[in-house]
Amino acid sequence: MEGESNEEELEKSKEELEGFYKIIKLICPLWCNIIVFSSLIIYFIVYRNYHNNNGYQELKIKNQRFLNYRNEYISRIKHVSDLD
């Protein structure tokens, strides 16, 4: 009798665990997907902001260099025209 009751308890606990595992199998991929996609979104937002800011700074530096060259060129032209 004890052997039969133990087997019944084992089968009941197995059924409960199988139901629990089914629920976890349904929930876990959802949470995993949420975590993966949210981390990807955060990564791309940070990556794009970082590179856009760097690109903006590089553009600003190039623009400043261009303005410096232009001003130097204009001052040289004025200097030459003043000599004439």
PDB file of N, CA and C in Angstrom:
ATOM      1  N   MET A   1       0.820  -1.186   0.000  1.00  0.00           N
ATOM      2  CA  MET A   1       0.000   0.000   0.000  1.00  0.00           C
ATOM      3  C   MET A   1       0.875   1.265   0.000  1.00  0.00           C
ATOM      4  N   GLU A   2       1.916   1.221   0.795  1.00  0.00           N
ATOM      5  CA  GLU A   2       2.767   2.399   0.854  1.00  0.00           C
ATOM      6  C   GLU A   2       3.455   2.641  -0.481  1.00  0.00           C
ATOM      7  N   GLY A   3       3.824   1.555  -1.156  1.00  0.00           N
ATOM      8  CA  GLY A   3       4.478   1.684  -2.459  1.00  0.00           C
ATOM      9  C   GLY A   3       3.538   2.306  -3.475  1.00  0.00           C
ATOM     10  N   GLU A   4       2.268   1.904  -3.445  1.00  0.00           N
ATOM     11  CA  GLU A   4       1.298   2.457  -4.378  1.00  0.00           C
ATOM     12  C   GLU A   4       1.031   3.939  -4.086  1.00  0.00           C
ATOM     13  N   SER A   5       0.913   4.294  -2.832  1.00  0.00           N
ATOM     14  CA  SER A   5       0.641   5.694  -2.491  1.00  0.00           C
ATOM     15  C   SER A   5       1.844   6.574  -2.858  1.00  0.00           C
ATOM     16  N   ASN A   6       3.049   6.042  -2.685  1.00  0.00           N
ATOM     17  CA  ASN A   6       4.235   6.807  -3.084  1.00  0.00           C
ATOM     18  C   ASN A   6       4.263   7.022  -4.595  1.00  0.00           C
ATOM     19  N   GLU A   7       3.897   5.994  -5.350  1.00  0.00           N
ATOM     20  CA  GLU A   7       3.866   6.119  -6.810  1.00  0.00           C
ATOM     21  C   GLU A   7       2.817   7.130  -7.244  1.00  0.00           C
ATOM     22  N   GLU A   8       1.657   7.118  -6.579  1.00  0.00           N
ATOM     23  CA  GLU A   8       0.614   8.085  -6.907  1.00  0.00           C
ATOM     24  C   GLU A   8       1.079   9.512  -6.608  1.00  0.00           C
ATOM     25  N   GLU A   9       1.752   9.683  -5.471  1.00  0.00           N
ATOM     26  CA  GLU A   9       2.268  11.003  -5.118  1.00  0.00           C
ATOM     27  C   GLU A   9       3.325  11.459  -6.131  1.00  0.00           C
ATOM     28  N   LEU A  10       4.165  10.511  -6.550  1.00  0.00           N
ATOM     29  CA  LEU A  10       5.186  10.841  -7.551  1.00  0.00           C
ATOM     30  C   LEU A  10       4.540  11.261  -8.862  1.00  0.00           C
ATOM     31  N   GLU A  11       3.507  10.551  -9.276  1.00  0.00           N
ATOM     32  CA  GLU A  11       2.834  10.902 -10.525  1.00  0.00           C
ATOM     33  C   GLU A  11       2.142  12.264 -10.409  1.00  0.00           C
ATOM     34  N   LYS A  12       1.520  12.534  -9.263  1.00  0.00           N
ATOM     35  CA  LYS A  12       0.884  13.835  -9.066  1.00  0.00           C
ATOM     36  C   LYS A  12       1.921  14.957  -9.097  1.00  0.00           C
ATOM     37  N   SER A  13       3.036  14.734  -8.407  1.00  0.00           N
ATOM     38  CA  SER A  13       4.075  15.769  -8.411  1.00  0.00           C
ATOM     39  C   SER A  13       4.672  15.932  -9.804  1.00  0.00           C
ATOM     40  N   LYS A  14       4.787  14.807 -10.556  1.00  0.00           N
ATOM     41  CA  LYS A  14       5.283  14.905 -11.941  1.00  0.00           C
ATOM     42  C   LYS A  14       4.340  15.732 -12.787  1.00  0.00           C
ATOM     43  N   GLU A  15       3.047  15.489 -12.659  1.00  0.00           N
ATOM     44  CA  GLU A  15       2.060  16.241 -13.426  1.00  0.00           C
ATOM     45  C   GLU A  15       2.103  17.725 -13.054  1.00  0.00           C
ATOM     46  N   GLU A  16       2.244  18.015 -11.763  1.00  0.00           N
ATOM     47  CA  GLU A  16       2.337  19.411 -11.336  1.00  0.00           C
ATOM     48  C   GLU A  16       3.590  20.071 -11.908  1.00  0.00           C
ATOM     49  N   LEU A  17       4.713  19.361 -11.863  1.00  0.00           N
ATOM     50  CA  LEU A  17       5.953  19.900 -12.399  1.00  0.00           C
ATOM     51  C   LEU A  17       5.870  20.102 -13.908  1.00  0.00           C
ATOM     52  N   GLU A  18       5.232  19.145 -14.603  1.00  0.00           N
ATOM     53  CA  GLU A  18       5.084  19.299 -16.054  1.00  0.00           C
ATOM     54  C   GLU A  18       4.249  20.534 -16.383  1.00  0.00           C
ATOM     55  N   GLY A  19       3.174  20.739 -15.625  1.00  0.00           N
ATOM     56  CA  GLY A  19       2.372  21.945 -15.830  1.00  0.00           C
ATOM     57  C   GLY A  19       3.179  23.203 -15.537  1.00  0.00           C
ATOM     58  N   PHE A  20       3.968  23.155 -14.469  1.00  0.00           N
ATOM     59  CA  PHE A  20       4.806  24.292 -14.112  1.00  0.00           C
ATOM     60  C   PHE A  20       5.837  24.566 -15.205  1.00  0.00           C
ATOM     61  N   TYR A  21       6.463  23.501 -15.722  1.00  0.00           N
ATOM     62  CA  TYR A  21       7.452  23.674 -16.790  1.00  0.00           C
ATOM     63  C   TYR A  21       6.817  24.204 -18.066  1.00  0.00           C
ATOM     64  N   LYS A  22       5.581  23.769 -18.357  1.00  0.00           N
ATOM     65  CA  LYS A  22       4.889  24.303 -19.542  1.00  0.00           C
ATOM     66  C   LYS A  22       4.666  25.801 -19.405  1.00  0.00           C
ATOM     67  N   ILE A  23       4.260  26.204 -18.206  1.00  0.00           N
ATOM     68  CA  ILE A  23       4.044  27.640 -17.981  1.00  0.00           C
ATOM     69  C   ILE A  23       5.360  28.395 -18.125  1.00  0.00           C
ATOM     70  N   ILE A  24       6.428  27.843 -17.553  1.00  0.00           N
ATOM     71  CA  ILE A  24       7.734  28.514 -17.652  1.00  0.00           C
ATOM     72  C   ILE A  24       8.201  28.556 -19.091  1.00  0.00           C
ATOM     73  N   LYS A  25       7.976  27.485 -19.838  1.00  0.00           N
ATOM     74  CA  LYS A  25       8.369  27.478 -21.254  1.00  0.00           C
ATOM     75  C   LYS A  25       7.610  28.543 -22.032  1.00  0.00           C
ATOM     76  N   LEU A  26       6.371  28.812 -21.669  1.00  0.00           N
ATOM     77  CA  LEU A  26       5.618  29.867 -22.344  1.00  0.00           C
ATOM     78  C   LEU A  26       6.079  31.254 -21.926  1.00  0.00           C
ATOM     79  N   ILE A  27       6.361  31.417 -20.639  1.00  0.00           N
ATOM     80  CA  ILE A  27       6.720  32.740 -20.122  1.00  0.00           C
ATOM     81  C   ILE A  27       8.167  33.092 -20.435  1.00  0.00           C
ATOM     82  N   CYS A  28       9.068  32.145 -20.311  1.00  0.00           N
ATOM     83  CA  CYS A  28      10.501  32.431 -20.448  1.00  0.00           C
ATOM     84  C   CYS A  28      10.853  32.994 -21.820  1.00  0.00           C
ATOM     85  N   PRO A  29      10.390  32.408 -22.936  1.00  0.00           N
ATOM     86  CA  PRO A  29      10.750  33.020 -24.214  1.00  0.00           C
ATOM     87  C   PRO A  29      10.237  34.453 -24.334  1.00  0.00           C
ATOM     88  N   LEU A  30       9.076  34.722 -23.761  1.00  0.00           N
ATOM     89  CA  LEU A  30       8.546  36.081 -23.799  1.00  0.00           C
ATOM     90  C   LEU A  30       9.477  37.033 -23.047  1.00  0.00           C
ATOM     91  N   TRP A  31       9.879  36.669 -21.833  1.00  0.00           N
ATOM     92  CA  TRP A  31      10.780  37.518 -21.058  1.00  0.00           C
ATOM     93  C   TRP A  31      12.144  37.632 -21.720  1.00  0.00           C
ATOM     94  N   CYS A  32      12.618  36.496 -22.264  1.00  0.00           N
ATOM     95  CA  CYS A  32      13.919  36.534 -22.946  1.00  0.00           C
ATOM     96  C   CYS A  32      13.851  37.476 -24.143  1.00  0.00           C
ATOM     97  N   ASN A  33      12.777  37.403 -24.905  1.00  0.00           N
ATOM     98  CA  ASN A  33      12.633  38.292 -26.064  1.00  0.00           C
ATOM     99  C   ASN A  33      12.553  39.748 -25.625  1.00  0.00           C
ATOM    100  N   ILE A  34      11.807  40.003 -24.572  1.00  0.00           N
ATOM    101  CA  ILE A  34      11.693  41.383 -24.080  1.00  0.00           C
ATOM    102  C   ILE A  34      13.060  41.900 -23.661  1.00  0.00           C
ATOM    103  N   ILE A  35      13.810  41.085 -22.935  1.00  0.00           N
ATOM    104  CA  ILE A  35      15.135  41.515 -22.468  1.00  0.00           C
ATOM    105  C   ILE A  35      16.074  41.737 -23.645  1.00  0.00           C
ATOM    106  N   VAL A  36      16.096  40.794 -24.590  1.00  0.00           N
ATOM    107  CA  VAL A  36      17.006  40.911 -25.739  1.00  0.00           C
ATOM    108  C   VAL A  36      16.658  42.125 -26.587  1.00  0.00           C
ATOM    109  N   PHE A  37      15.386  42.288 -26.931  1.00  0.00           N
ATOM    110  CA  PHE A  37      15.009  43.396 -27.803  1.00  0.00           C
ATOM    111  C   PHE A  37      15.173  44.745 -27.107  1.00  0.00           C
ATOM    112  N   SER A  38      14.857  44.811 -25.819  1.00  0.00           N
ATOM    113  CA  SER A  38      15.048  46.080 -25.125  1.00  0.00           C
ATOM    114  C   SER A  38      16.525  46.428 -25.020  1.00  0.00           C
ATOM    115  N   SER A  39      17.371  45.416 -24.791  1.00  0.00           N
ATOM    116  CA  SER A  39      18.805  45.707 -24.733  1.00  0.00           C
ATOM    117  C   SER A  39      19.326  46.112 -26.103  1.00  0.00           C
ATOM    118  N   LEU A  40      18.816  45.505 -27.177  1.00  0.00           N
ATOM    119  CA  LEU A  40      19.224  45.918 -28.520  1.00  0.00           C
ATOM    120  C   LEU A  40      18.791  47.347 -28.813  1.00  0.00           C
ATOM    121  N   ILE A  41      17.575  47.683 -28.431  1.00  0.00           N
ATOM    122  CA  ILE A  41      17.082  49.045 -28.661  1.00  0.00           C
ATOM    123  C   ILE A  41      17.936  50.048 -27.885  1.00  0.00           C
ATOM    124  N   ILE A  42      18.215  49.737 -26.631  1.00  0.00           N
ATOM    125  CA  ILE A  42      19.051  50.643 -25.828  1.00  0.00           C
ATOM    126  C   ILE A  42      20.438  50.759 -26.435  1.00  0.00           C
ATOM    127  N   TYR A  43      21.001  49.633 -26.891  1.00  0.00           N
ATOM    128  CA  TYR A  43      22.334  49.657 -27.488  1.00  0.00           C
ATOM    129  C   TYR A  43      22.361  50.548 -28.725  1.00  0.00           C
ATOM    130  N   PHE A  44      21.370  50.392 -29.598  1.00  0.00           N
ATOM    131  CA  PHE A  44      21.366  51.197 -30.814  1.00  0.00           C
ATOM    132  C   PHE A  44      21.122  52.669 -30.523  1.00  0.00           C
ATOM    133  N   ILE A  45      20.289  52.971 -29.528  1.00  0.00           N
ATOM    134  CA  ILE A  45      20.074  54.374 -29.170  1.00  0.00           C
ATOM    135  C   ILE A  45      21.378  54.987 -28.667  1.00  0.00           C
ATOM    136  N   VAL A  46      22.067  54.288 -27.770  1.00  0.00           N
ATOM    137  CA  VAL A  46      23.331  54.797 -27.233  1.00  0.00           C
ATOM    138  C   VAL A  46      24.371  54.884 -28.345  1.00  0.00           C
ATOM    139  N   TYR A  47      24.444  53.840 -29.177  1.00  0.00           N
ATOM    140  CA  TYR A  47      25.428  53.789 -30.267  1.00  0.00           C
ATOM    141  C   TYR A  47      25.198  54.940 -31.247  1.00  0.00           C
ATOM    142  N   ARG A  48      23.951  55.129 -31.642  1.00  0.00           N
ATOM    143  CA  ARG A  48      23.648  56.197 -32.601  1.00  0.00           C
ATOM    144  C   ARG A  48      23.915  57.570 -31.999  1.00  0.00           C
ATOM    145  N   ASN A  49      23.508  57.787 -30.757  1.00  0.00           N
ATOM    146  CA  ASN A  49      23.758  59.083 -30.126  1.00  0.00           C
ATOM    147  C   ASN A  49      25.244  59.344 -30.011  1.00  0.00           C
ATOM    148  N   TYR A  50      26.001  58.326 -29.633  1.00  0.00           N
ATOM    149  CA  TYR A  50      27.450  58.495 -29.486  1.00  0.00           C
ATOM    150  C   TYR A  50      28.076  58.854 -30.826  1.00  0.00           C
ATOM    151  N   HIS A  51      27.704  58.102 -31.865  1.00  0.00           N
ATOM    152  CA  HIS A  51      28.319  58.354 -33.167  1.00  0.00           C
ATOM    153  C   HIS A  51      27.802  59.639 -33.805  1.00  0.00           C
ATOM    154  N   ASN A  52      26.540  59.957 -33.581  1.00  0.00           N
ATOM    155  CA  ASN A  52      26.032  61.221 -34.106  1.00  0.00           C
ATOM    156  C   ASN A  52      26.724  62.401 -33.435  1.00  0.00           C
ATOM    157  N   ASN A  53      26.935  62.294 -32.130  1.00  0.00           N
ATOM    158  CA  ASN A  53      27.632  63.377 -31.436  1.00  0.00           C
ATOM    159  C   ASN A  53      29.064  63.493 -31.918  1.00  0.00           C
ATOM    160  N   ASN A  54      29.724  62.346 -32.120  1.00  0.00           N
ATOM    161  CA  ASN A  54      31.091  62.393 -32.634  1.00  0.00           C
ATOM    162  C   ASN A  54      31.103  62.960 -34.039  1.00  0.00           C
ATOM    163  N   GLY A  55      30.141  62.555 -34.865  1.00  0.00           N
ATOM    164  CA  GLY A  55      30.067  63.084 -36.221  1.00  0.00           C
ATOM    165  C   GLY A  55      29.824  64.577 -36.212  1.00  0.00           C
ATOM    166  N   TYR A  56      28.987  65.030 -35.295  1.00  0.00           N
ATOM    167  CA  TYR A  56      28.716  66.462 -35.187  1.00  0.00           C
ATOM    168  C   TYR A  56      29.979  67.211 -34.780  1.00  0.00           C
ATOM    169  N   GLN A  57      30.711  66.651 -33.822  1.00  0.00           N
ATOM    170  CA  GLN A  57      31.944  67.308 -33.379  1.00  0.00           C
ATOM    171  C   GLN A  57      32.966  67.359 -34.509  1.00  0.00           C
ATOM    172  N   GLU A  58      33.090  66.250 -35.267  1.00  0.00           N
ATOM    173  CA  GLU A  58      34.034  66.237 -36.395  1.00  0.00           C
ATOM    174  C   GLU A  58      33.628  67.266 -37.445  1.00  0.00           C
ATOM    175  N   LEU A  59      32.330  67.345 -37.712  1.00  0.00           N
ATOM    176  CA  LEU A  59      31.843  68.320 -38.685  1.00  0.00           C
ATOM    177  C   LEU A  59      32.116  69.749 -38.205  1.00  0.00           C
ATOM    178  N   LYS A  60      31.929  69.962 -36.923  1.00  0.00           N
ATOM    179  CA  LYS A  60      32.183  71.280 -36.354  1.00  0.00           C
ATOM    180  C   LYS A  60      33.667  71.640 -36.487  1.00  0.00           C
ATOM    181  N   ILE A  61      34.547  70.667 -36.225  1.00  0.00           N
ATOM    182  CA  ILE A  61      35.989  70.912 -36.337  1.00  0.00           C
ATOM    183  C   ILE A  61      36.366  71.189 -37.792  1.00  0.00           C
ATOM    184  N   LYS A  62      35.820  70.390 -38.727  1.00  0.00           N
ATOM    185  CA  LYS A  62      36.116  70.611 -40.142  1.00  0.00           C
ATOM    186  C   LYS A  62      35.620  71.984 -40.596  1.00  0.00           C
ATOM    187  N   ASN A  63      34.437  72.351 -40.134  1.00  0.00           N
ATOM    188  CA  ASN A  63      33.884  73.657 -40.483  1.00  0.00           C
ATOM    189  C   ASN A  63      34.767  74.776 -39.932  1.00  0.00           C
ATOM    190  N   GLN A  64      35.251  74.608 -38.711  1.00  0.00           N
ATOM    191  CA  GLN A  64      36.122  75.613 -38.106  1.00  0.00           C
ATOM    192  C   GLN A  64      37.440  75.713 -38.873  1.00  0.00           C
ATOM    193  N   ARG A  65      37.984  74.573 -39.280  1.00  0.00           N
ATOM    194  CA  ARG A  65      39.215  74.592 -40.082  1.00  0.00           C
ATOM    195  C   ARG A  65      38.990  75.317 -41.403  1.00  0.00           C
ATOM    196  N   PHE A  66      37.855  75.005 -42.037  1.00  0.00           N
ATOM    197  CA  PHE A  66      37.541  75.667 -43.302  1.00  0.00           C
ATOM    198  C   PHE A  66      37.444  77.180 -43.104  1.00  0.00           C
ATOM    199  N   LEU A  67      36.773  77.589 -42.040  1.00  0.00           N
ATOM    200  CA  LEU A  67      36.649  79.030 -41.769  1.00  0.00           C
ATOM    201  C   LEU A  67      38.016  79.660 -41.499  1.00  0.00           C
ATOM    202  N   ASN A  68      38.866  78.948 -40.787  1.00  0.00           N
ATOM    203  CA  ASN A  68      40.213  79.470 -40.528  1.00  0.00           C
ATOM    204  C   ASN A  68      40.992  79.635 -41.832  1.00  0.00           C
ATOM    205  N   TYR A  69      40.949  78.610 -42.710  1.00  0.00           N
ATOM    206  CA  TYR A  69      41.649  78.706 -43.997  1.00  0.00           C
ATOM    207  C   TYR A  69      41.086  79.841 -44.846  1.00  0.00           C
ATOM    208  N   ARG A  70      39.768  79.964 -44.849  1.00  0.00           N
ATOM    209  CA  ARG A  70      39.126  81.012 -45.642  1.00  0.00           C
ATOM    210  C   ARG A  70      39.540  82.403 -45.132  1.00  0.00           C
ATOM    211  N   ASN A  71      39.503  82.559 -43.824  1.00  0.00           N
ATOM    212  CA  ASN A  71      39.891  83.858 -43.250  1.00  0.00           C
ATOM    213  C   ASN A  71      41.359  84.166 -43.534  1.00  0.00           C
ATOM    214  N   GLU A  72      42.191  83.144 -43.444  1.00  0.00           N
ATOM    215  CA  GLU A  72      43.611  83.356 -43.734  1.00  0.00           C
ATOM    216  C   GLU A  72      43.803  83.724 -45.211  1.00  0.00           C
ATOM    217  N   TYR A  73      43.068  83.051 -46.087  1.00  0.00           N
ATOM    218  CA  TYR A  73      43.160  83.336 -47.527  1.00  0.00           C
ATOM    219  C   TYR A  73      42.688  84.768 -47.816  1.00  0.00           C
ATOM    220  N   ILE A  74      41.578  85.148 -47.204  1.00  0.00           N
ATOM    221  CA  ILE A  74      41.055  86.507 -47.405  1.00  0.00           C
ATOM    222  C   ILE A  74      42.046  87.545 -46.885  1.00  0.00           C
ATOM    223  N   SER A  75      42.640  87.289 -45.743  1.00  0.00           N
ATOM    224  CA  SER A  75      43.603  88.253 -45.199  1.00  0.00           C
ATOM    225  C   SER A  75      44.838  88.353 -46.098  1.00  0.00           C
ATOM    226  N   ARG A  76      45.261  87.247 -46.708  1.00  0.00           N
ATOM    227  CA  ARG A  76      46.402  87.292 -47.630  1.00  0.00           C
ATOM    228  C   ARG A  76      46.049  88.092 -48.885  1.00  0.00           C
ATOM    229  N   ILE A  77      44.841  87.875 -49.389  1.00  0.00           N
ATOM    230  CA  ILE A  77      44.417  88.627 -50.577  1.00  0.00           C
ATOM    231  C   ILE A  77      44.376  90.113 -50.264  1.00  0.00           C
ATOM    232  N   LYS A  78      43.836  90.464 -49.089  1.00  0.00           N
ATOM    233  CA  LYS A  78      43.787  91.882 -48.693  1.00  0.00           C
ATOM    234  C   LYS A  78      45.198  92.458 -48.551  1.00  0.00           C
ATOM    235  N   HIS A  79      46.074  91.647 -47.995  1.00  0.00           N
ATOM    236  CA  HIS A  79      47.455  92.110 -47.813  1.00  0.00           C
ATOM    237  C   HIS A  79      48.120  92.364 -49.166  1.00  0.00           C
ATOM    238  N   VAL A  80      47.915  91.448 -50.122  1.00  0.00           N
ATOM    239  CA  VAL A  80      48.497  91.616 -51.462  1.00  0.00           C
ATOM    240  C   VAL A  80      47.873  92.813 -52.165  1.00  0.00           C
ATOM    241  N   SER A  81      46.566  92.967 -52.015  1.00  0.00           N
ATOM    242  CA  SER A  81      45.905  94.101 -52.688  1.00  0.00           C
ATOM    243  C   SER A  81      46.333  95.437 -52.062  1.00  0.00           C
ATOM    244  N   ASP A  82      46.638  95.422 -50.776  1.00  0.00           N
ATOM    245  CA  ASP A  82      47.123  96.645 -50.129  1.00  0.00           C
ATOM    246  C   ASP A  82      48.519  97.019 -50.615  1.00  0.00           C
ATOM    247  N   LEU A  83      49.309  96.021 -50.987  1.00  0.00           N
ATOM    248  CA  LEU A  83      50.655  96.296 -51.483  1.00  0.00           C
ATOM    249  C   LEU A  83      50.627  96.973 -52.847  1.00  0.00           C
ATOM    250  N   ASP A  84      49.589  96.670 -53.623  1.00  0.00           N
ATOM    251  CA  ASP A  84      49.496  97.272 -54.971  1.00  0.00           C
ATOM    252  C   ASP A  84      49.138  98.674 -54.856  1.00  0.00           C
TER     253      ASP A  84
END
